Amino acid sequence: MPTYVHLMKQCCSGLGTSCLDKHIIIITIYPKALLLVAVAMAALSIEEQWKNFKATYGKTYDNPEEEQKRYQIFQDKVKYIEDYNNKSEAGEKSGKLAINKFGDLTADEVVERYTDGRPDPDRKPPIGK
């Protein structure tokens, strides 16, 4: 079975370096193109998660700037959750995390909106804090 190198030698024989240069460029650029496609697919994935989140929890925003701010918070939380869950699967953490209705709010906003800005007096601080 001929390899890419054999085919390239047959293709380029007698044509000089310009044909060989084209193959080198293709070999060099192709992995970079694959990386860009993978990054784009990951971005689509987070966009789909965002659309599903908004639909599931009935989220709407007053303007594009506010939605962009909320989307960034959501992205940060999804990354944190993915990192945490990967560590959990590796045995470094316990349990699993998932997005909930607070996925577009900061921790401070959750406290402010849902506790009148006062922490729960019965809540004990986390171990090690």
N, C-alpha and C. Protein backbone atom coordinates (compact mmCIF):
# COMPACT_ATOMS: atom_id res chain seq x y z
N MET A 1 0.86 -1.18 0.00
CA MET A 1 0.00 0.00 0.00
C MET A 1 0.90 1.24 0.00
N PRO A 2 0.71 2.14 -0.94
CA PRO A 2 1.57 3.33 -1.00
C PRO A 2 1.25 4.29 0.14
N THR A 3 2.29 4.90 0.65
CA THR A 3 2.12 5.89 1.71
C THR A 3 2.00 7.27 1.08
N TYR A 4 1.68 8.24 1.91
CA TYR A 4 1.57 9.62 1.43
C TYR A 4 2.89 10.09 0.84
N VAL A 5 4.00 9.68 1.47
CA VAL A 5 5.32 10.10 0.98
C VAL A 5 5.57 9.53 -0.40
N HIS A 6 5.21 8.23 -0.61
CA HIS A 6 5.39 7.63 -1.94
C HIS A 6 4.55 8.36 -2.99
N LEU A 7 3.30 8.62 -2.65
CA LEU A 7 2.43 9.32 -3.59
C LEU A 7 2.95 10.72 -3.88
N MET A 8 3.49 11.38 -2.86
CA MET A 8 4.01 12.72 -3.03
C MET A 8 5.23 12.69 -3.96
N LYS A 9 6.08 11.68 -3.80
CA LYS A 9 7.27 11.58 -4.66
C LYS A 9 6.85 11.35 -6.11
N GLN A 10 5.81 10.50 -6.32
CA GLN A 10 5.34 10.26 -7.68
C GLN A 10 4.74 11.54 -8.27
N CYS A 11 3.96 12.24 -7.47
CA CYS A 11 3.29 13.46 -7.93
C CYS A 11 4.30 14.54 -8.27
N CYS A 12 5.34 14.64 -7.48
CA CYS A 12 6.27 15.75 -7.61
C CYS A 12 7.48 15.44 -8.48
N SER A 13 7.63 14.21 -8.92
CA SER A 13 8.83 13.88 -9.69
C SER A 13 8.86 14.70 -10.97
N GLY A 14 9.96 15.38 -11.15
CA GLY A 14 10.15 16.18 -12.34
C GLY A 14 9.47 17.54 -12.31
N LEU A 15 8.77 17.86 -11.24
CA LEU A 15 8.07 19.15 -11.20
C LEU A 15 8.81 20.21 -10.39
N GLY A 16 9.90 19.83 -9.77
CA GLY A 16 10.65 20.80 -8.99
C GLY A 16 10.09 20.95 -7.58
N THR A 17 10.55 21.99 -6.91
CA THR A 17 10.20 22.15 -5.50
C THR A 17 8.82 22.76 -5.29
N SER A 18 8.23 23.38 -6.30
CA SER A 18 6.94 24.03 -6.07
C SER A 18 5.86 23.02 -5.67
N CYS A 19 5.86 21.85 -6.29
CA CYS A 19 4.88 20.82 -5.92
C CYS A 19 5.16 20.32 -4.51
N LEU A 20 6.42 20.09 -4.20
CA LEU A 20 6.80 19.64 -2.86
C LEU A 20 6.43 20.69 -1.82
N ASP A 21 6.63 21.96 -2.13
CA ASP A 21 6.26 23.03 -1.21
C ASP A 21 4.77 23.01 -0.92
N LYS A 22 3.95 22.75 -1.94
CA LYS A 22 2.51 22.68 -1.73
C LYS A 22 2.15 21.58 -0.75
N HIS A 23 2.80 20.43 -0.88
CA HIS A 23 2.51 19.32 0.03
C HIS A 23 2.95 19.64 1.45
N ILE A 24 4.09 20.30 1.59
CA ILE A 24 4.56 20.68 2.93
C ILE A 24 3.59 21.67 3.56
N ILE A 25 3.09 22.61 2.77
CA ILE A 25 2.13 23.57 3.29
C ILE A 25 0.85 22.86 3.73
N ILE A 26 0.38 21.91 2.92
CA ILE A 26 -0.82 21.16 3.28
C ILE A 26 -0.59 20.39 4.57
N ILE A 27 0.55 19.73 4.69
CA ILE A 27 0.86 18.95 5.90
C ILE A 27 0.93 19.87 7.11
N THR A 28 1.49 21.06 6.95
CA THR A 28 1.64 22.00 8.06
C THR A 28 0.30 22.64 8.44
N ILE A 29 -0.49 23.01 7.47
CA ILE A 29 -1.73 23.73 7.75
C ILE A 29 -2.84 22.79 8.20
N TYR A 30 -2.89 21.59 7.69
CA TYR A 30 -4.00 20.68 7.99
C TYR A 30 -4.21 20.44 9.48
N PRO A 31 -3.17 20.14 10.28
CA PRO A 31 -3.42 19.96 11.72
C PRO A 31 -3.95 21.24 12.38
N LYS A 32 -3.49 22.39 11.93
CA LYS A 32 -3.98 23.65 12.49
C LYS A 32 -5.45 23.85 12.14
N ALA A 33 -5.84 23.47 10.93
CA ALA A 33 -7.24 23.58 10.53
C ALA A 33 -8.11 22.66 11.38
N LEU A 34 -7.62 21.46 11.65
CA LEU A 34 -8.37 20.54 12.51
C LEU A 34 -8.56 21.12 13.90
N LEU A 35 -7.53 21.76 14.42
CA LEU A 35 -7.63 22.38 15.74
C LEU A 35 -8.69 23.48 15.73
N LEU A 36 -8.71 24.29 14.69
CA LEU A 36 -9.72 25.36 14.59
C LEU A 36 -11.13 24.78 14.51
N VAL A 37 -11.29 23.69 13.78
CA VAL A 37 -12.61 23.05 13.69
C VAL A 37 -13.03 22.53 15.06
N ALA A 38 -12.10 21.91 15.79
CA ALA A 38 -12.41 21.39 17.12
C ALA A 38 -12.81 22.52 18.06
N VAL A 39 -12.10 23.64 18.00
CA VAL A 39 -12.44 24.79 18.84
C VAL A 39 -13.81 25.33 18.45
N ALA A 40 -14.09 25.41 17.17
CA ALA A 40 -15.40 25.90 16.72
C ALA A 40 -16.51 24.97 17.18
N MET A 41 -16.27 23.66 17.13
CA MET A 41 -17.29 22.71 17.58
C MET A 41 -17.55 22.86 19.08
N ALA A 42 -16.49 23.09 19.85
CA ALA A 42 -16.66 23.30 21.29
C ALA A 42 -17.47 24.57 21.54
N ALA A 43 -17.19 25.62 20.76
CA ALA A 43 -17.94 26.86 20.91
C ALA A 43 -19.41 26.65 20.57
N LEU A 44 -19.69 25.88 19.54
CA LEU A 44 -21.08 25.58 19.21
C LEU A 44 -21.74 24.81 20.34
N SER A 45 -20.99 23.93 20.94
CA SER A 45 -21.53 23.13 22.03
C SER A 45 -21.96 24.03 23.19
N ILE A 46 -21.14 24.99 23.57
CA ILE A 46 -21.49 25.88 24.68
C ILE A 46 -22.66 26.77 24.26
N GLU A 47 -22.71 27.17 23.00
CA GLU A 47 -23.84 27.97 22.52
C GLU A 47 -25.14 27.18 22.60
N GLU A 48 -25.07 25.90 22.25
CA GLU A 48 -26.27 25.05 22.35
C GLU A 48 -26.68 24.89 23.81
N GLN A 49 -25.70 24.72 24.69
CA GLN A 49 -26.01 24.63 26.12
C GLN A 49 -26.68 25.91 26.60
N TRP A 50 -26.18 27.05 26.12
CA TRP A 50 -26.74 28.35 26.50
C TRP A 50 -28.19 28.46 26.04
N LYS A 51 -28.45 28.08 24.78
CA LYS A 51 -29.82 28.13 24.26
C LYS A 51 -30.74 27.23 25.08
N ASN A 52 -30.27 26.03 25.39
CA ASN A 52 -31.07 25.09 26.19
C ASN A 52 -31.32 25.64 27.59
N PHE A 53 -30.30 26.24 28.19
CA PHE A 53 -30.43 26.83 29.52
C PHE A 53 -31.50 27.90 29.52
N LYS A 54 -31.43 28.81 28.55
CA LYS A 54 -32.41 29.91 28.48
C LYS A 54 -33.82 29.37 28.26
N ALA A 55 -33.95 28.37 27.41
CA ALA A 55 -35.28 27.79 27.15
C ALA A 55 -35.81 27.05 28.38
N THR A 56 -34.96 26.28 29.02
CA THR A 56 -35.37 25.49 30.19
C THR A 56 -35.85 26.37 31.32
N TYR A 57 -35.12 27.44 31.59
CA TYR A 57 -35.43 28.29 32.74
C TYR A 57 -36.15 29.59 32.36
N GLY A 58 -36.56 29.72 31.10
CA GLY A 58 -37.31 30.90 30.67
C GLY A 58 -36.54 32.20 30.83
N LYS A 59 -35.24 32.16 30.54
CA LYS A 59 -34.39 33.34 30.72
C LYS A 59 -34.51 34.28 29.53
N THR A 60 -34.71 35.56 29.82
CA THR A 60 -34.68 36.62 28.82
C THR A 60 -33.90 37.78 29.43
N TYR A 61 -33.37 38.63 28.56
CA TYR A 61 -32.52 39.73 29.02
C TYR A 61 -32.97 41.02 28.37
N ASP A 62 -32.75 42.13 29.06
CA ASP A 62 -33.24 43.44 28.62
C ASP A 62 -32.56 43.94 27.35
N ASN A 63 -31.29 43.57 27.15
CA ASN A 63 -30.56 44.07 25.99
C ASN A 63 -29.40 43.12 25.67
N PRO A 64 -28.79 43.27 24.50
CA PRO A 64 -27.70 42.38 24.10
C PRO A 64 -26.50 42.44 25.05
N GLU A 65 -26.23 43.60 25.62
CA GLU A 65 -25.10 43.73 26.54
C GLU A 65 -25.32 42.88 27.79
N GLU A 66 -26.55 42.94 28.32
CA GLU A 66 -26.88 42.15 29.50
C GLU A 66 -26.80 40.66 29.18
N GLU A 67 -27.30 40.27 28.01
CA GLU A 67 -27.23 38.85 27.63
C GLU A 67 -25.78 38.40 27.49
N GLN A 68 -24.94 39.24 26.90
CA GLN A 68 -23.52 38.89 26.75
C GLN A 68 -22.87 38.71 28.12
N LYS A 69 -23.18 39.59 29.05
CA LYS A 69 -22.64 39.48 30.41
C LYS A 69 -23.08 38.15 31.04
N ARG A 70 -24.35 37.83 30.91
CA ARG A 70 -24.89 36.58 31.49
C ARG A 70 -24.30 35.36 30.80
N TYR A 71 -24.10 35.45 29.50
CA TYR A 71 -23.49 34.36 28.74
C TYR A 71 -22.07 34.09 29.22
N GLN A 72 -21.32 35.16 29.49
CA GLN A 72 -19.94 35.00 29.98
C GLN A 72 -19.94 34.31 31.34
N ILE A 73 -20.84 34.72 32.23
CA ILE A 73 -20.95 34.08 33.55
C ILE A 73 -21.28 32.60 33.36
N PHE A 74 -22.23 32.31 32.47
CA PHE A 74 -22.62 30.94 32.18
C PHE A 74 -21.43 30.13 31.68
N GLN A 75 -20.67 30.68 30.73
CA GLN A 75 -19.49 29.99 30.20
C GLN A 75 -18.49 29.68 31.31
N ASP A 76 -18.25 30.66 32.18
CA ASP A 76 -17.31 30.45 33.29
C ASP A 76 -17.79 29.32 34.20
N LYS A 77 -19.09 29.29 34.47
CA LYS A 77 -19.63 28.24 35.33
C LYS A 77 -19.55 26.87 34.66
N VAL A 78 -19.85 26.81 33.37
CA VAL A 78 -19.76 25.53 32.65
C VAL A 78 -18.33 25.01 32.68
N LYS A 79 -17.36 25.89 32.47
CA LYS A 79 -15.95 25.46 32.52
C LYS A 79 -15.60 24.96 33.91
N TYR A 80 -16.00 25.69 34.95
CA TYR A 80 -15.74 25.26 36.32
C TYR A 80 -16.36 23.89 36.58
N ILE A 81 -17.60 23.71 36.15
CA ILE A 81 -18.30 22.44 36.36
C ILE A 81 -17.60 21.31 35.61
N GLU A 82 -17.21 21.55 34.37
CA GLU A 82 -16.51 20.52 33.60
C GLU A 82 -15.19 20.15 34.26
N ASP A 83 -14.43 21.15 34.71
CA ASP A 83 -13.16 20.89 35.40
C ASP A 83 -13.39 20.09 36.68
N TYR A 84 -14.38 20.50 37.46
CA TYR A 84 -14.69 19.81 38.71
C TYR A 84 -15.09 18.36 38.44
N ASN A 85 -15.97 18.16 37.47
CA ASN A 85 -16.45 16.80 37.17
C ASN A 85 -15.33 15.92 36.62
N ASN A 86 -14.41 16.50 35.85
CA ASN A 86 -13.25 15.73 35.38
C ASN A 86 -12.39 15.29 36.56
N LYS A 87 -12.19 16.19 37.52
CA LYS A 87 -11.42 15.83 38.72
C LYS A 87 -12.16 14.79 39.53
N SER A 88 -13.47 14.88 39.56
CA SER A 88 -14.28 13.90 40.28
C SER A 88 -14.12 12.51 39.65
N GLU A 89 -14.15 12.46 38.33
CA GLU A 89 -13.97 11.19 37.63
C GLU A 89 -12.58 10.62 37.86
N ALA A 90 -11.59 11.49 38.06
CA ALA A 90 -10.22 11.05 38.32
C ALA A 90 -10.00 10.71 39.79
N GLY A 91 -11.02 10.89 40.62
CA GLY A 91 -10.90 10.58 42.04
C GLY A 91 -10.35 11.70 42.89
N GLU A 92 -10.14 12.88 42.30
CA GLU A 92 -9.58 14.01 43.05
C GLU A 92 -10.66 14.79 43.79
N LYS A 93 -11.89 14.68 43.37
CA LYS A 93 -13.04 15.35 44.00
C LYS A 93 -14.13 14.32 44.17
N SER A 94 -15.15 14.68 44.96
CA SER A 94 -16.28 13.76 45.09
C SER A 94 -17.54 14.44 44.59
N GLY A 95 -18.48 13.65 44.10
CA GLY A 95 -19.74 14.19 43.62
C GLY A 95 -19.62 14.76 42.22
N LYS A 96 -20.73 15.24 41.72
CA LYS A 96 -20.77 15.86 40.40
C LYS A 96 -21.56 17.15 40.50
N LEU A 97 -21.20 18.11 39.67
CA LEU A 97 -21.90 19.39 39.59
C LEU A 97 -22.66 19.47 38.28
N ALA A 98 -23.67 20.32 38.24
CA ALA A 98 -24.43 20.56 37.02
C ALA A 98 -25.00 21.98 37.06
N ILE A 99 -25.30 22.51 35.89
CA ILE A 99 -25.92 23.84 35.79
C ILE A 99 -27.34 23.76 36.34
N ASN A 100 -27.73 24.83 37.03
CA ASN A 100 -29.12 24.95 37.51
C ASN A 100 -29.65 26.33 37.12
N LYS A 101 -30.76 26.73 37.70
CA LYS A 101 -31.39 28.00 37.30
C LYS A 101 -30.54 29.22 37.63
N PHE A 102 -29.50 29.06 38.43
CA PHE A 102 -28.63 30.17 38.79
C PHE A 102 -27.40 30.25 37.88
N GLY A 103 -27.39 29.52 36.79
CA GLY A 103 -26.22 29.42 35.91
C GLY A 103 -25.78 30.72 35.27
N ASP A 104 -26.62 31.74 35.26
CA ASP A 104 -26.24 33.02 34.66
C ASP A 104 -26.03 34.12 35.70
N LEU A 105 -25.95 33.72 36.97
CA LEU A 105 -25.76 34.68 38.06
C LEU A 105 -24.44 34.43 38.78
N THR A 106 -23.83 35.50 39.28
CA THR A 106 -22.65 35.34 40.12
C THR A 106 -23.10 34.89 41.50
N ALA A 107 -22.17 34.41 42.31
CA ALA A 107 -22.50 33.99 43.68
C ALA A 107 -23.07 35.16 44.47
N ASP A 108 -22.49 36.34 44.31
CA ASP A 108 -22.99 37.53 45.02
C ASP A 108 -24.42 37.87 44.61
N GLU A 109 -24.72 37.72 43.32
CA GLU A 109 -26.08 38.01 42.86
C GLU A 109 -27.09 37.01 43.44
N VAL A 110 -26.70 35.76 43.55
CA VAL A 110 -27.60 34.76 44.14
C VAL A 110 -27.91 35.13 45.58
N VAL A 111 -26.88 35.49 46.35
CA VAL A 111 -27.08 35.88 47.75
C VAL A 111 -27.98 37.11 47.82
N GLU A 112 -27.68 38.11 47.00
CA GLU A 112 -28.44 39.36 47.02
C GLU A 112 -29.91 39.15 46.64
N ARG A 113 -30.16 38.36 45.62
CA ARG A 113 -31.52 38.19 45.11
C ARG A 113 -32.37 37.22 45.92
N TYR A 114 -31.73 36.22 46.49
CA TYR A 114 -32.52 35.14 47.10
C TYR A 114 -32.40 35.04 48.61
N THR A 115 -31.58 35.89 49.23
CA THR A 115 -31.45 35.84 50.69
C THR A 115 -31.55 37.23 51.30
N ASP A 116 -32.04 38.19 50.58
CA ASP A 116 -32.09 39.58 51.05
C ASP A 116 -30.71 40.09 51.43
N GLY A 117 -29.70 39.53 50.83
CA GLY A 117 -28.33 39.97 51.09
C GLY A 117 -27.75 39.48 52.39
N ARG A 118 -28.49 38.65 53.11
CA ARG A 118 -28.00 38.14 54.39
C ARG A 118 -27.66 36.67 54.26
N PRO A 119 -26.48 36.28 54.72
CA PRO A 119 -26.15 34.86 54.69
C PRO A 119 -27.01 34.08 55.68
N ASP A 120 -27.18 32.80 55.43
CA ASP A 120 -27.95 31.92 56.30
C ASP A 120 -27.22 31.79 57.64
N PRO A 121 -27.85 32.17 58.77
CA PRO A 121 -27.16 32.11 60.07
C PRO A 121 -26.86 30.68 60.52
N ASP A 122 -27.57 29.70 59.99
CA ASP A 122 -27.34 28.30 60.37
C ASP A 122 -26.27 27.63 59.52
N ARG A 123 -25.84 28.30 58.48
CA ARG A 123 -24.85 27.69 57.59
C ARG A 123 -23.48 27.74 58.23
N LYS A 124 -22.82 26.61 58.22
CA LYS A 124 -21.47 26.52 58.76
C LYS A 124 -20.47 26.79 57.63
N PRO A 125 -19.35 27.43 57.96
CA PRO A 125 -18.36 27.69 56.91
C PRO A 125 -17.78 26.37 56.40
N PRO A 126 -17.33 26.36 55.13
CA PRO A 126 -16.73 25.15 54.58
C PRO A 126 -15.51 24.73 55.39
N ILE A 127 -15.24 23.44 55.41
CA ILE A 127 -14.07 22.91 56.12
C ILE A 127 -12.81 23.53 55.50
N GLY A 128 -11.89 23.93 56.35
CA GLY A 128 -10.62 24.49 55.88
C GLY A 128 -10.68 25.98 55.61
N LYS A 129 -11.77 26.62 55.88
CA LYS A 129 -11.87 28.07 55.63
C LYS A 129 -11.81 28.83 56.93
